[in-house]
Amino acid sequence: MALDLLAAFEQEPPALDFIWSGFLAGTVGALIAPGATGKSFWALQAAMAVACKESDGDLLQLRPTRSGRVIYMAGEDPAAVLSHRVHALGKHLSPKARACSGLIIPDTILGGTVATMT
């Protein structure tokens, strides 16, 4: 889609829809930091916070403004490692939060299916 510059200069664009500060709804994002800093656990917990309408699914108290389906693409971890991470996360979730639909973890980039909640 080409941007009409004249219209953009003169017309106020619609408000942006952020899930939380810096995370625009409906977009793809990447979390980048040095190894062993907790990226995977943070991303899994953030994904649960958005995917789960239950407040006890928001372990980090991120308080997303919207909830909905989340596709979590694991770029570093093989399925076996990701399964361990998801299991560790589940220990801190209530049964109600664990049953939330909306978190989808397809095949990892390194191979192997982990989980799909529908």
Protein backbone atom coordinates (compact mmCIF):
# COMPACT_ATOMS: atom_id res chain seq x y z
CA MET A 1 0.00 0.00 0.00
CA ALA A 2 1.43 3.35 -1.03
CA LEU A 3 1.19 6.13 1.53
CA ASP A 4 -0.61 9.25 0.30
CA LEU A 5 1.82 11.82 1.68
CA LEU A 6 -0.41 14.84 1.19
CA ALA A 7 -3.27 13.16 3.05
CA ALA A 8 -0.88 11.98 5.76
CA PHE A 9 0.39 15.54 6.25
CA GLU A 10 -3.12 16.92 6.63
CA GLN A 11 -5.30 14.21 8.20
CA GLU A 12 -4.95 12.82 11.69
CA PRO A 13 -4.39 9.05 11.40
CA PRO A 14 -6.47 6.62 13.46
CA ALA A 15 -5.19 5.84 16.95
CA LEU A 16 -2.79 2.92 17.21
CA ASP A 17 -4.05 -0.14 19.08
CA PHE A 18 -1.39 -1.26 21.55
CA ILE A 19 -1.65 -4.45 23.61
CA TRP A 20 0.72 -2.71 26.03
CA SER A 21 3.28 0.03 25.56
CA GLY A 22 5.40 -0.65 22.51
CA PHE A 23 3.51 -3.77 21.37
CA LEU A 24 1.11 -2.97 18.53
CA ALA A 25 -1.83 -5.37 18.18
CA GLY A 26 -1.85 -7.50 15.05
CA THR A 27 1.86 -7.24 14.38
CA VAL A 28 4.83 -9.56 14.64
CA GLY A 29 7.52 -8.74 17.16
CA ALA A 30 10.88 -10.04 18.19
CA LEU A 31 12.49 -10.11 21.60
CA ILE A 32 16.25 -9.74 21.31
CA ALA A 33 18.78 -9.88 24.15
CA PRO A 34 21.92 -11.81 25.11
CA GLY A 35 21.56 -15.49 25.93
CA ALA A 36 20.45 -16.68 29.36
CA THR A 37 18.63 -13.43 30.20
CA GLY A 38 15.12 -14.93 30.42
CA LYS A 39 13.75 -14.04 26.96
CA SER A 40 11.94 -17.35 26.45
CA PHE A 41 10.30 -17.38 29.87
CA TRP A 42 9.30 -13.71 29.57
CA ALA A 43 7.89 -14.27 26.07
CA LEU A 44 5.92 -17.34 27.17
CA GLN A 45 4.50 -15.48 30.15
CA ALA A 46 3.63 -12.47 27.97
CA ALA A 47 1.96 -14.78 25.45
CA MET A 48 -0.13 -16.34 28.23
CA ALA A 49 -1.09 -12.90 29.54
CA VAL A 50 -2.53 -11.99 26.12
CA ALA A 51 -3.97 -15.42 25.28
CA CYS A 52 -5.67 -15.96 28.64
CA LYS A 53 -8.62 -13.83 29.65
CA GLU A 54 -8.16 -14.99 33.25
CA SER A 55 -6.20 -12.56 35.44
CA ASP A 56 -4.27 -15.43 37.01
CA GLY A 57 -2.83 -16.19 33.56
CA ASP A 58 -0.92 -12.88 33.75
CA LEU A 59 1.96 -13.91 36.00
CA LEU A 60 4.04 -10.81 35.23
CA GLN A 61 1.12 -8.43 35.80
CA LEU A 62 1.58 -6.98 32.29
CA ARG A 63 -2.15 -6.20 32.13
CA PRO A 64 -2.59 -6.30 28.36
CA THR A 65 -5.39 -4.06 27.11
CA ARG A 66 -6.67 -6.83 24.82
CA SER A 67 -6.70 -10.58 24.80
CA GLY A 68 -6.68 -12.92 21.85
CA ARG A 69 -4.91 -15.75 20.09
CA VAL A 70 -1.13 -15.74 20.24
CA ILE A 71 1.24 -17.67 18.01
CA TYR A 72 4.52 -18.23 19.82
CA MET A 73 7.34 -18.99 17.39
CA ALA A 74 10.36 -20.44 19.17
CA GLY A 75 13.46 -19.37 17.29
CA GLU A 76 16.18 -20.78 19.52
CA ASP A 77 14.82 -23.71 21.48
CA PRO A 78 14.17 -27.20 20.15
CA ALA A 79 10.84 -28.79 21.06
CA ALA A 80 12.30 -30.72 24.01
CA VAL A 81 13.63 -27.55 25.67
CA LEU A 82 10.44 -25.61 24.98
CA SER A 83 8.38 -28.42 26.52
CA HIS A 84 10.41 -28.05 29.72
CA ARG A 85 9.84 -24.28 29.71
CA VAL A 86 6.08 -24.66 29.19
CA HIS A 87 5.94 -27.26 31.97
CA ALA A 88 7.79 -24.90 34.35
CA LEU A 89 5.38 -22.09 33.46
CA GLY A 90 2.39 -24.37 34.06
CA LYS A 91 3.48 -24.98 37.65
CA HIS A 92 2.64 -21.33 38.39
CA LEU A 93 -0.71 -21.22 36.58
CA SER A 94 -4.06 -22.09 38.09
CA PRO A 95 -6.00 -24.94 36.44
CA LYS A 96 -8.36 -22.32 35.03
CA ALA A 97 -5.48 -20.36 33.48
CA ARG A 98 -3.90 -23.55 32.09
CA ALA A 99 -7.16 -24.28 30.27
CA CYS A 100 -7.23 -20.89 28.51
CA SER A 101 -7.57 -21.19 24.79
CA GLY A 102 -5.66 -18.95 22.48
CA LEU A 103 -2.00 -19.88 22.96
CA ILE A 104 -0.62 -21.67 19.93
CA ILE A 105 2.90 -23.05 19.81
CA PRO A 106 3.43 -24.54 16.35
CA ASP A 107 6.46 -26.47 15.15
CA THR A 108 9.60 -24.86 16.45
CA ILE A 109 12.03 -23.46 13.92
CA LEU A 110 14.51 -26.10 15.10
CA GLY A 111 11.92 -28.85 14.60
CA GLY A 112 9.34 -30.72 16.59
CA THR A 113 5.75 -29.89 17.51
CA VAL A 114 5.24 -28.67 21.06
CA ALA A 115 1.61 -27.77 21.77
CA THR A 116 -1.57 -26.23 20.52
CA MET A 117 -4.38 -25.03 22.74
CA THR A 118 -7.65 -24.41 20.90
